[in-house]
Amino acid sequence: MVRMRKHRAAYRWTFSGLDPGEYVVSVWIPDDPNSDHASDAHYTVCSDGRQYEATADQSKDFKTWRSLGTFALGSDGNVELNRARKPCARAMWRRTASWRTPSS
């Protein structure tokens, strides 16, 4: 389950019911017709008592998902956008994939 809401001076996306593990957390950078997106939008990823910080330049590469990094997430937590002139509209997380090269 994912919810987004304005929380104080930030936007927060909450998640619950994930299988604990490594996840890539990404944010959607919407179009910027007024050229007012932040070049240093600050994000905080929180889960299981751990807190990770990430920064994304929202002033370029519009209409695309931008990875904030790979994080160890528990079943519940949130992604919070702090201090941005114009906030991103979406956040997502996906399980990281791993593979092994077949041995000969």
Protein backbone atom coordinates (compact mmCIF):
# COMPACT_ATOMS: atom_id res chain seq x y z
CA MET A 1 0.00 0.00 0.00
CA VAL A 2 1.32 3.43 -0.93
CA ARG A 3 0.00 6.78 0.23
CA MET A 4 1.23 10.31 -0.42
CA ARG A 5 0.36 13.30 1.70
CA LYS A 6 1.73 16.68 2.58
CA HIS A 7 3.46 16.41 5.94
CA ARG A 8 4.61 19.68 7.48
CA ALA A 9 6.89 21.34 4.90
CA ALA A 10 7.51 18.08 3.06
CA TYR A 11 5.76 15.38 1.07
CA ARG A 12 5.71 11.83 2.36
CA TRP A 13 5.03 8.55 0.58
CA THR A 14 4.38 5.68 2.99
CA PHE A 15 4.58 1.99 2.28
CA SER A 16 3.51 -1.13 4.16
CA GLY A 17 3.39 -4.85 3.56
CA LEU A 18 6.73 -5.16 1.73
CA ASP A 19 8.87 -8.25 2.01
CA PRO A 20 11.99 -7.00 3.84
CA GLY A 21 15.03 -6.75 1.58
CA GLU A 22 17.04 -4.55 -0.74
CA TYR A 23 14.97 -2.12 -2.82
CA VAL A 24 15.79 0.50 -5.43
CA VAL A 25 13.93 3.69 -4.46
CA SER A 26 13.13 6.03 -7.35
CA VAL A 27 11.27 9.30 -7.76
CA TRP A 28 9.41 10.66 -10.79
CA ILE A 29 10.68 13.99 -12.09
CA PRO A 30 7.70 15.74 -13.73
CA ASP A 31 7.89 18.29 -16.55
CA ASP A 32 9.14 21.74 -15.54
CA PRO A 33 7.37 24.28 -17.81
CA ASN A 34 8.11 27.17 -15.38
CA SER A 35 11.79 26.25 -14.81
CA ASP A 36 11.27 26.24 -11.05
CA HIS A 37 12.26 22.71 -10.00
CA ALA A 38 14.89 22.38 -7.28
CA SER A 39 18.41 21.42 -8.28
CA ASP A 40 19.02 19.95 -4.83
CA ALA A 41 15.81 18.28 -3.64
CA HIS A 42 16.50 16.42 -0.39
CA TYR A 43 14.90 13.03 0.29
CA THR A 44 14.86 10.86 3.39
CA VAL A 45 14.12 7.13 3.18
CA CYS A 46 13.08 5.60 6.54
CA SER A 47 12.38 1.97 7.43
CA ASP A 48 13.00 -0.31 10.42
CA GLY A 49 14.65 2.46 12.43
CA ARG A 50 17.15 3.21 9.66
CA GLN A 51 17.28 6.54 7.88
CA TYR A 52 18.97 7.21 4.54
CA GLU A 53 19.55 10.60 2.92
CA ALA A 54 19.59 11.28 -0.83
CA THR A 55 19.60 14.33 -3.10
CA ALA A 56 18.19 14.61 -6.62
CA ASP A 57 18.48 17.33 -9.23
CA GLN A 58 14.89 17.95 -10.36
CA SER A 59 15.90 20.74 -12.75
CA LYS A 60 16.85 18.38 -15.62
CA ASP A 61 15.91 15.06 -17.21
CA PHE A 62 12.15 15.59 -16.93
CA LYS A 63 9.40 12.99 -17.28
CA THR A 64 11.57 10.17 -16.01
CA TRP A 65 12.18 8.05 -12.91
CA ARG A 66 15.39 8.94 -11.05
CA SER A 67 16.95 6.42 -8.68
CA LEU A 68 17.79 7.66 -5.18
CA GLY A 69 19.76 4.47 -4.51
CA THR A 70 19.40 0.96 -3.17
CA PHE A 71 18.31 0.64 0.45
CA ALA A 72 17.57 -2.13 2.97
CA LEU A 73 13.85 -1.73 3.69
CA GLY A 74 11.62 -3.47 6.18
CA SER A 75 7.93 -4.09 5.67
CA ASP A 76 6.91 -0.51 6.59
CA GLY A 77 8.43 2.91 6.12
CA ASN A 78 8.36 6.10 4.09
CA VAL A 79 10.11 8.28 1.54
CA GLU A 80 10.00 11.96 2.35
CA LEU A 81 10.78 14.91 0.08
CA ASN A 82 12.21 17.75 2.16
CA ARG A 83 13.10 21.27 1.06
CA ALA A 84 12.17 21.51 -2.58
CA ARG A 85 10.72 24.51 -4.37
CA LYS A 86 8.31 22.33 -6.36
CA PRO A 87 7.84 18.74 -5.19
CA CYS A 88 7.94 15.62 -7.30
CA ALA A 89 4.60 13.93 -7.74
CA ARG A 90 5.51 10.27 -7.29
CA ALA A 91 7.90 7.85 -5.58
CA MET A 92 8.40 4.13 -6.05
CA TRP A 93 10.48 1.25 -4.78
CA ARG A 94 11.22 -2.05 -6.45
CA ARG A 95 13.00 -5.15 -5.35
CA THR A 96 16.57 -5.37 -6.59
CA ALA A 97 17.35 -8.19 -8.97
CA SER A 98 20.33 -10.44 -8.60
CA TRP A 99 21.72 -13.05 -10.93
CA ARG A 100 24.67 -15.35 -11.17
CA THR A 101 26.74 -16.18 -14.19
CA PRO A 102 26.37 -19.90 -14.85
CA SER A 103 29.56 -21.75 -14.00
CA SER A 104 31.14 -23.85 -16.72
